[in-house]
Amino acid sequence: MATVLIVDAVQADRRFVASLLRNHGHRVLEASDDGDAIELLRSEQPDLMLIDILAPGMDGCQFVLKVRSDPGVVQPRLLLRTIASSEAEARALAHAFGAAFALKPTNPEMLIAVVNSVLSEAPPQPGGQNPEMSSMGLLLQPVIKLVRRVAERNAQLEVARTALDLEIKKRIWAEQELMQANRLLRDQAMRDVVTGLHNRRYLEESLPREEARARRTGQPFAVMMVDVDHFKTFNDTLGHAAGDTVLRGVGQCIASLARGEDITVRYGGDEFALVIQATQQIVWQRAEALRQSVRKLEVGRNGQQFGPVTLSVGIALFPDQGESGHAVLHAADAALIRSKQEGRNRVIMGETVSA
């Protein structure tokens, strides 16, 4: 087990390395500045000192020179550390000081390997005032000044980079918020305020996509046009509020029977439309299920029940009843008209287009 002194002004870095070394059986001391470090060097006589040569708030180079010249200090082995952008200058200083070097942040396995390698070497000679050390200090002054300038430049670049990153994040957040707001506005523009279903505009935009999908996959789709029977009577007799209650009830029935890929629309007034990816038989079954579900609605206002509510339904399929999405819509509307003409409260299938 060795005693290791870590000198680093950045607490998070210091604590990380300290924990790593303790887990490998070393006794670890920590210092955040040169004053604490020199006291620990004199009192604890560590075997190894890890120091950030460019630590903010202290002159790491002058501190190492001071340690090497101090006769009251049992000389520790040295491991200098700094960030990658100052690697070349720091390696030159490490060589001049007879020290090892490691980057910050360091891969844990690599750092342990470097520490073990340094500890396997013989310790330095005792320090003391001597001409060689003074001469080396004079020779290193230009390098030290260069390292300081590099450190200052890196600090300025880091501040600028942080500010730029923050500005970029702000712009990204603003763009995301704008996109979300635009999506919300678009969704609101495509929704019916009474029923919450999509509106006629959404249906008009969706039909070409459904047609393209059907042509690509070979799977048919159906348009179901739905009309609330005698809806005008509800409005004229009980008022528009009662009429809205009926529309919301029908809309809820449609939404409850819809599948995820279905398009549910309030087409206008008392008319609804559904676009369904299904065969004729399945569409017919779902239309009958909707008609029966709506008949069970208990719609009332101010304690007064009215109904039952019935539906007239017209169905058309692509491509049997139309060669385009909009042609199928017109065919379903024609089938709806026939449903009302034949007595309402029924489902009518559109006529097949002749070849």
Protein backbone atom coordinates (compact mmCIF):
# COMPACT_ATOMS: atom_id res chain seq x y z
CA MET A 1 0.00 0.00 0.00
CA ALA A 2 1.28 3.48 -0.90
CA THR A 3 0.32 6.92 0.36
CA VAL A 4 -0.88 9.10 -2.48
CA LEU A 5 -1.54 12.84 -2.36
CA ILE A 6 -4.01 14.21 -4.90
CA VAL A 7 -3.76 17.95 -5.60
CA ASP A 8 -6.69 19.18 -7.68
CA ALA A 9 -8.91 22.25 -7.32
CA VAL A 10 -11.84 20.47 -8.97
CA GLN A 11 -13.55 18.52 -6.21
CA ALA A 12 -15.38 16.08 -8.49
CA ASP A 13 -12.14 15.07 -10.25
CA ARG A 14 -10.29 14.81 -6.95
CA ARG A 15 -12.93 12.64 -5.31
CA PHE A 16 -13.19 10.35 -8.33
CA VAL A 17 -9.46 9.62 -8.41
CA ALA A 18 -9.35 9.28 -4.61
CA SER A 19 -12.13 6.68 -4.65
CA LEU A 20 -10.43 4.79 -7.47
CA LEU A 21 -7.09 4.63 -5.64
CA ARG A 22 -8.69 3.66 -2.31
CA ASN A 23 -10.46 0.79 -4.04
CA HIS A 24 -7.00 -0.44 -5.11
CA GLY A 25 -5.68 -0.43 -1.55
CA HIS A 26 -3.85 2.91 -1.40
CA ARG A 27 -3.97 5.43 1.39
CA VAL A 28 -5.18 8.69 -0.16
CA LEU A 29 -4.75 12.32 0.90
CA GLU A 30 -6.53 15.22 -0.78
CA ALA A 31 -5.61 18.91 -1.24
CA SER A 32 -7.40 21.59 -3.20
CA ASP A 33 -4.55 24.15 -3.22
CA ASP A 34 -0.79 24.45 -2.82
CA GLY A 35 -0.99 25.55 0.83
CA ASP A 36 -2.78 22.41 2.00
CA ALA A 37 -0.61 20.30 -0.29
CA ILE A 38 2.72 21.50 1.15
CA GLU A 39 1.52 20.86 4.72
CA LEU A 40 0.49 17.32 3.82
CA LEU A 41 3.80 16.73 2.04
CA ARG A 42 5.72 17.71 5.18
CA SER A 43 3.52 15.89 7.66
CA GLU A 44 2.48 12.74 5.79
CA GLN A 45 5.44 12.18 3.44
CA PRO A 46 3.39 10.62 0.61
CA ASP A 47 5.00 8.21 -1.84
CA LEU A 48 3.31 9.80 -4.84
CA MET A 49 1.75 13.17 -5.64
CA LEU A 50 -0.81 13.51 -8.42
CA ILE A 51 -1.21 17.14 -9.41
CA ASP A 52 -3.21 18.99 -12.04
CA ILE A 53 -0.41 21.12 -13.46
CA LEU A 54 -2.95 23.65 -14.80
CA ALA A 55 -5.27 23.65 -11.81
CA PRO A 56 -7.26 26.92 -11.56
CA GLY A 57 -6.33 29.13 -8.65
CA MET A 58 -2.75 27.87 -8.27
CA ASP A 59 0.52 27.86 -10.21
CA GLY A 60 1.20 24.15 -10.52
CA CYS A 61 4.57 24.60 -12.19
CA GLN A 62 5.94 26.93 -9.52
CA PHE A 63 4.53 24.65 -6.84
CA VAL A 64 6.39 21.62 -8.25
CA LEU A 65 9.62 23.66 -8.42
CA LYS A 66 9.06 24.73 -4.82
CA VAL A 67 8.53 21.13 -3.71
CA ARG A 68 11.63 19.92 -5.53
CA SER A 69 13.70 22.70 -3.89
CA ASP A 70 12.31 22.31 -0.36
CA PRO A 71 14.79 20.55 1.99
CA GLY A 72 11.99 19.97 4.49
CA VAL A 73 10.03 17.78 2.12
CA VAL A 74 10.64 14.09 1.58
CA GLN A 75 10.42 14.08 -2.18
CA PRO A 76 7.42 12.20 -3.59
CA ARG A 77 7.20 10.63 -6.99
CA LEU A 78 5.26 12.90 -9.38
CA LEU A 79 2.37 12.26 -11.75
CA LEU A 80 1.27 15.36 -13.63
CA ARG A 81 -2.22 15.57 -15.12
CA THR A 82 -3.99 18.02 -17.41
CA ILE A 83 -6.64 18.18 -20.12
CA ALA A 84 -5.96 16.97 -23.68
CA SER A 85 -5.79 20.44 -25.23
CA SER A 86 -2.65 21.20 -23.14
CA GLU A 87 -1.08 17.75 -23.50
CA ALA A 88 2.03 18.71 -25.48
CA GLU A 89 3.11 21.49 -23.13
CA ALA A 90 2.33 19.46 -20.01
CA ARG A 91 4.30 16.46 -21.28
CA ALA A 92 7.30 18.75 -21.80
CA LEU A 93 7.04 19.94 -18.19
CA ALA A 94 6.64 16.37 -16.93
CA HIS A 95 9.82 15.37 -18.75
CA ALA A 96 11.69 18.38 -17.30
CA PHE A 97 10.54 17.52 -13.78
CA GLY A 98 11.29 13.82 -14.20
CA ALA A 99 7.61 13.08 -13.68
CA ALA A 100 5.03 10.81 -15.29
CA PHE A 101 2.04 12.18 -17.16
CA ALA A 102 -1.64 11.27 -17.57
CA LEU A 103 -4.56 13.00 -19.26
CA LYS A 104 -7.72 14.27 -17.59
CA PRO A 105 -10.15 12.64 -17.57
CA THR A 106 -8.21 9.39 -17.55
CA ASN A 107 -9.47 5.92 -18.25
CA PRO A 108 -9.56 4.31 -14.77
CA GLU A 109 -7.60 1.21 -15.81
CA MET A 110 -5.00 3.36 -17.56
CA LEU A 111 -4.60 5.64 -14.53
CA ILE A 112 -4.10 2.68 -12.17
CA ALA A 113 -1.50 1.24 -14.55
CA VAL A 114 0.41 4.56 -14.64
CA VAL A 115 0.24 4.91 -10.84
CA ASN A 116 1.56 1.38 -10.33
CA SER A 117 4.34 2.01 -12.83
CA VAL A 118 5.42 5.23 -11.11
CA LEU A 119 5.33 3.62 -7.66
CA SER A 120 7.60 0.83 -8.91
CA GLU A 121 10.34 3.37 -9.65
CA ALA A 122 12.90 4.58 -7.13
CA PRO A 123 11.89 7.72 -5.22
CA PRO A 124 13.58 11.04 -6.13
CA GLN A 125 16.61 12.38 -4.30
CA PRO A 126 15.94 14.64 -1.29
CA GLY A 127 15.21 18.24 -2.18
CA GLY A 128 17.27 21.26 -1.30
CA GLN A 129 18.47 24.59 -2.55
CA ASN A 130 20.89 23.89 -5.36
CA PRO A 131 22.06 25.73 -8.47
CA GLU A 132 20.72 23.04 -10.79
CA MET A 133 17.18 23.45 -9.57
CA SER A 134 17.38 27.23 -9.78
CA SER A 135 18.79 26.97 -13.31
CA MET A 136 16.05 24.55 -14.32
CA GLY A 137 13.48 26.98 -12.96
CA LEU A 138 14.93 29.74 -15.15
CA LEU A 139 15.02 27.47 -18.18
CA LEU A 140 11.42 26.40 -17.63
CA GLN A 141 10.06 29.91 -17.31
CA PRO A 142 9.25 30.25 -21.04
CA VAL A 143 7.54 26.86 -21.01
CA ILE A 144 5.65 27.75 -17.86
CA LYS A 145 4.46 31.02 -19.38
CA LEU A 146 3.36 29.17 -22.50
CA VAL A 147 1.46 26.62 -20.41
CA ARG A 148 -0.26 29.42 -18.53
CA ARG A 149 -1.30 31.10 -21.76
CA VAL A 150 -2.60 27.79 -23.09
CA ALA A 151 -4.52 27.26 -19.86
CA GLU A 152 -6.03 30.74 -20.05
CA ARG A 153 -6.92 30.24 -23.71
CA ASN A 154 -8.52 26.88 -22.94
CA ALA A 155 -10.50 28.41 -20.10
CA GLN A 156 -11.75 31.16 -22.40
CA LEU A 157 -12.60 28.62 -25.10
CA GLU A 158 -14.44 26.51 -22.55
CA VAL A 159 -16.51 29.50 -21.46
CA ALA A 160 -17.26 30.35 -25.09
CA ARG A 161 -18.06 26.71 -25.86
CA THR A 162 -20.39 26.48 -22.88
CA ALA A 163 -22.15 29.68 -23.91
CA LEU A 164 -22.45 28.40 -27.48
CA ASP A 165 -23.78 25.05 -26.32
CA LEU A 166 -26.35 26.82 -24.16
CA GLU A 167 -27.39 29.05 -27.07
CA ILE A 168 -27.71 26.02 -29.34
CA LYS A 169 -29.81 24.22 -26.72
CA LYS A 170 -32.01 27.29 -26.33
CA ARG A 171 -32.55 27.43 -30.09
CA ILE A 172 -33.31 23.71 -30.23
CA TRP A 173 -35.77 24.06 -27.33
CA ALA A 174 -37.38 27.06 -29.02
CA GLU A 175 -37.68 25.18 -32.31
CA GLN A 176 -39.14 22.15 -30.54
CA GLU A 177 -41.64 24.34 -28.70
CA LEU A 178 -42.55 26.07 -31.97
CA MET A 179 -42.99 22.73 -33.74
CA GLN A 180 -45.12 21.46 -30.86
CA ALA A 181 -47.21 24.64 -30.93
CA ASN A 182 -47.62 24.34 -34.70
CA ARG A 183 -48.66 20.70 -34.36
CA LEU A 184 -51.16 21.68 -31.68
CA LEU A 185 -52.56 24.49 -33.84
CA ARG A 186 -52.76 22.18 -36.83
CA ASP A 187 -54.51 19.53 -34.76
CA GLN A 188 -56.95 22.12 -33.45
CA ALA A 189 -57.59 23.31 -37.01
CA MET A 190 -58.34 19.70 -38.00
CA ARG A 191 -60.73 19.03 -35.09
CA ASP A 192 -64.45 19.61 -34.66
CA VAL A 193 -65.04 21.63 -31.49
CA VAL A 194 -68.38 19.97 -30.65
CA THR A 195 -67.50 16.26 -30.96
CA GLY A 196 -63.70 16.28 -30.78
CA LEU A 197 -63.53 14.19 -33.97
CA HIS A 198 -61.54 15.25 -37.01
CA ASN A 199 -63.25 17.66 -39.40
CA ARG A 200 -64.01 17.66 -43.11
CA ARG A 201 -60.71 19.33 -43.99
CA TYR A 202 -58.80 16.48 -42.37
CA LEU A 203 -60.83 13.95 -44.36
CA GLU A 204 -60.15 15.78 -47.63
CA GLU A 205 -56.38 15.65 -46.92
CA SER A 206 -56.47 12.01 -45.79
CA LEU A 207 -58.30 10.45 -48.75
CA PRO A 208 -55.36 10.75 -51.20
CA ARG A 209 -53.08 9.08 -48.63
CA GLU A 210 -55.55 6.25 -48.12
CA GLU A 211 -55.85 5.79 -51.88
CA ALA A 212 -52.04 5.66 -52.26
CA ARG A 213 -51.77 3.13 -49.41
CA ALA A 214 -54.50 0.94 -50.92
CA ARG A 215 -52.82 0.95 -54.32
CA ARG A 216 -49.47 0.12 -52.76
CA THR A 217 -50.69 -2.71 -50.52
CA GLY A 218 -53.63 -3.98 -52.53
CA GLN A 219 -55.82 -3.72 -49.41
CA PRO A 220 -59.25 -2.03 -49.86
CA PHE A 221 -60.65 0.75 -47.76
CA ALA A 222 -64.22 1.90 -47.20
CA VAL A 223 -65.87 5.25 -46.63
CA MET A 224 -68.91 5.21 -44.37
CA MET A 225 -71.19 8.26 -44.47
CA VAL A 226 -73.51 8.62 -41.45
CA ASP A 227 -76.48 10.93 -40.99
CA VAL A 228 -78.45 11.49 -37.76
CA ASP A 229 -82.10 10.92 -38.62
CA HIS A 230 -84.48 13.84 -38.03
CA PHE A 231 -81.75 15.90 -36.44
CA LYS A 232 -83.48 19.14 -37.41
CA THR A 233 -86.37 18.15 -35.13
CA PHE A 234 -84.05 17.99 -32.11
CA ASN A 235 -82.71 21.45 -32.85
CA ASP A 236 -86.08 23.06 -33.64
CA THR A 237 -87.90 21.48 -30.70
CA LEU A 238 -85.31 21.44 -27.94
CA GLY A 239 -82.73 24.01 -29.11
CA HIS A 240 -79.17 23.88 -30.32
CA ALA A 241 -77.80 22.80 -26.94
CA ALA A 242 -79.85 19.60 -27.15
CA GLY A 243 -78.69 19.16 -30.74
CA ASP A 244 -75.07 19.43 -29.64
CA THR A 245 -75.76 16.81 -26.96
CA VAL A 246 -76.99 14.42 -29.65
CA LEU A 247 -73.95 15.11 -31.86
CA ARG A 248 -71.55 14.52 -28.96
CA GLY A 249 -73.29 11.25 -28.08
CA VAL A 250 -73.08 9.99 -31.67
CA GLY A 251 -69.46 11.13 -31.89
CA GLN A 252 -68.61 9.20 -28.72
CA CYS A 253 -70.21 6.05 -30.13
CA ILE A 254 -68.22 6.41 -33.35
CA ALA A 255 -64.95 7.00 -31.44
CA SER A 256 -65.59 4.02 -29.11
CA LEU A 257 -66.07 1.63 -32.04
CA ALA A 258 -63.14 2.99 -34.07
CA ARG A 259 -59.79 1.24 -34.35
CA GLY A 260 -56.43 2.96 -34.25
CA GLU A 261 -56.03 3.24 -38.02
CA ASP A 262 -59.61 4.44 -38.65
CA ILE A 263 -60.34 8.05 -39.56
CA THR A 264 -63.37 9.44 -37.71
CA VAL A 265 -64.82 12.72 -38.94
CA ARG A 266 -67.70 15.07 -38.33
CA TYR A 267 -68.34 15.87 -41.97
CA GLY A 268 -70.65 18.79 -41.33
CA GLY A 269 -74.00 19.52 -39.67
CA ASP A 270 -75.46 16.16 -38.62
CA GLU A 271 -73.26 14.10 -40.95
CA PHE A 272 -70.28 11.96 -39.96
CA ALA A 273 -67.77 10.00 -42.00
CA LEU A 274 -65.49 7.06 -41.26
CA VAL A 275 -62.62 5.73 -43.34
CA ILE A 276 -61.94 2.08 -42.54
CA GLN A 277 -59.34 -0.36 -43.86
CA ALA A 278 -61.57 -3.43 -44.21
CA THR A 279 -63.56 -5.65 -46.54
CA GLN A 280 -67.21 -5.07 -47.45
CA GLN A 281 -68.46 -7.65 -44.95
CA ILE A 282 -66.51 -6.20 -42.03
CA VAL A 283 -67.52 -2.63 -42.88
CA TRP A 284 -71.19 -3.67 -43.04
CA GLN A 285 -70.90 -5.38 -39.63
CA ARG A 286 -69.30 -2.31 -38.10
CA ALA A 287 -71.95 -0.02 -39.58
CA GLU A 288 -74.70 -2.18 -38.06
CA ALA A 289 -72.87 -2.21 -34.72
CA LEU A 290 -72.70 1.60 -34.80
CA ARG A 291 -76.37 1.91 -35.69
CA GLN A 292 -77.40 -0.38 -32.84
CA SER A 293 -75.05 1.38 -30.39
CA VAL A 294 -76.53 4.80 -31.18
CA ARG A 295 -80.10 3.48 -30.76
CA LYS A 296 -79.21 2.66 -27.14
CA LEU A 297 -78.14 6.22 -26.39
CA GLU A 298 -80.04 7.88 -23.57
CA VAL A 299 -79.92 11.51 -24.60
CA GLY A 300 -81.64 14.09 -22.45
CA ARG A 301 -81.60 17.62 -21.16
CA ASN A 302 -83.05 19.19 -18.02
CA GLY A 303 -84.47 15.83 -16.99
CA GLN A 304 -86.22 15.31 -20.34
CA GLN A 305 -85.25 12.25 -22.37
CA PHE A 306 -85.62 12.32 -26.14
CA GLY A 307 -84.99 9.78 -28.82
CA PRO A 308 -84.33 7.14 -29.79
CA VAL A 309 -81.55 8.41 -32.02
CA THR A 310 -81.26 6.52 -35.30
CA LEU A 311 -78.76 6.66 -38.12
CA SER A 312 -78.85 6.36 -41.88
CA VAL A 313 -75.63 4.96 -43.31
CA GLY A 314 -74.14 4.75 -46.79
CA ILE A 315 -71.04 2.71 -47.59
CA ALA A 316 -68.68 2.61 -50.56
CA LEU A 317 -65.39 0.77 -51.09
CA PHE A 318 -62.24 1.50 -53.04
CA PRO A 319 -61.86 0.45 -55.81
CA ASP A 320 -65.21 -1.32 -56.28
CA GLN A 321 -67.35 1.81 -55.92
CA GLY A 322 -64.84 4.45 -57.02
CA GLU A 323 -61.49 4.76 -58.78
CA SER A 324 -60.20 7.40 -56.34
CA GLY A 325 -60.63 8.33 -52.70
CA HIS A 326 -62.90 11.25 -53.49
CA ALA A 327 -64.94 9.15 -55.93
CA VAL A 328 -65.54 6.62 -53.14
CA LEU A 329 -66.62 9.48 -50.86
CA HIS A 330 -69.20 10.62 -53.44
CA ALA A 331 -70.42 7.02 -53.87
CA ALA A 332 -70.86 6.68 -50.09
CA ASP A 333 -72.77 9.96 -50.02
CA ALA A 334 -75.06 8.70 -52.81
CA ALA A 335 -75.67 5.50 -50.82
CA LEU A 336 -76.52 7.63 -47.77
CA ILE A 337 -79.12 9.54 -49.79
CA ARG A 338 -80.68 6.22 -50.83
CA SER A 339 -80.71 5.11 -47.18
CA LYS A 340 -82.73 8.18 -46.21
CA GLN A 341 -85.01 7.84 -49.21
CA GLU A 342 -85.78 4.21 -48.35
CA GLY A 343 -86.97 5.09 -44.85
CA ARG A 344 -83.87 5.92 -42.79
CA ASN A 345 -82.43 3.88 -39.88
CA ARG A 346 -80.66 1.48 -42.25
CA VAL A 347 -77.36 0.71 -43.95
CA ILE A 348 -77.06 0.87 -47.75
CA MET A 349 -74.09 -0.28 -49.81
CA GLY A 350 -73.03 1.80 -52.81
CA GLU A 351 -73.36 0.51 -56.34
CA THR A 352 -70.38 -1.13 -57.97
CA VAL A 353 -68.77 0.86 -60.76
CA SER A 354 -69.24 -0.95 -64.08
CA ALA A 355 -66.07 -1.94 -65.89
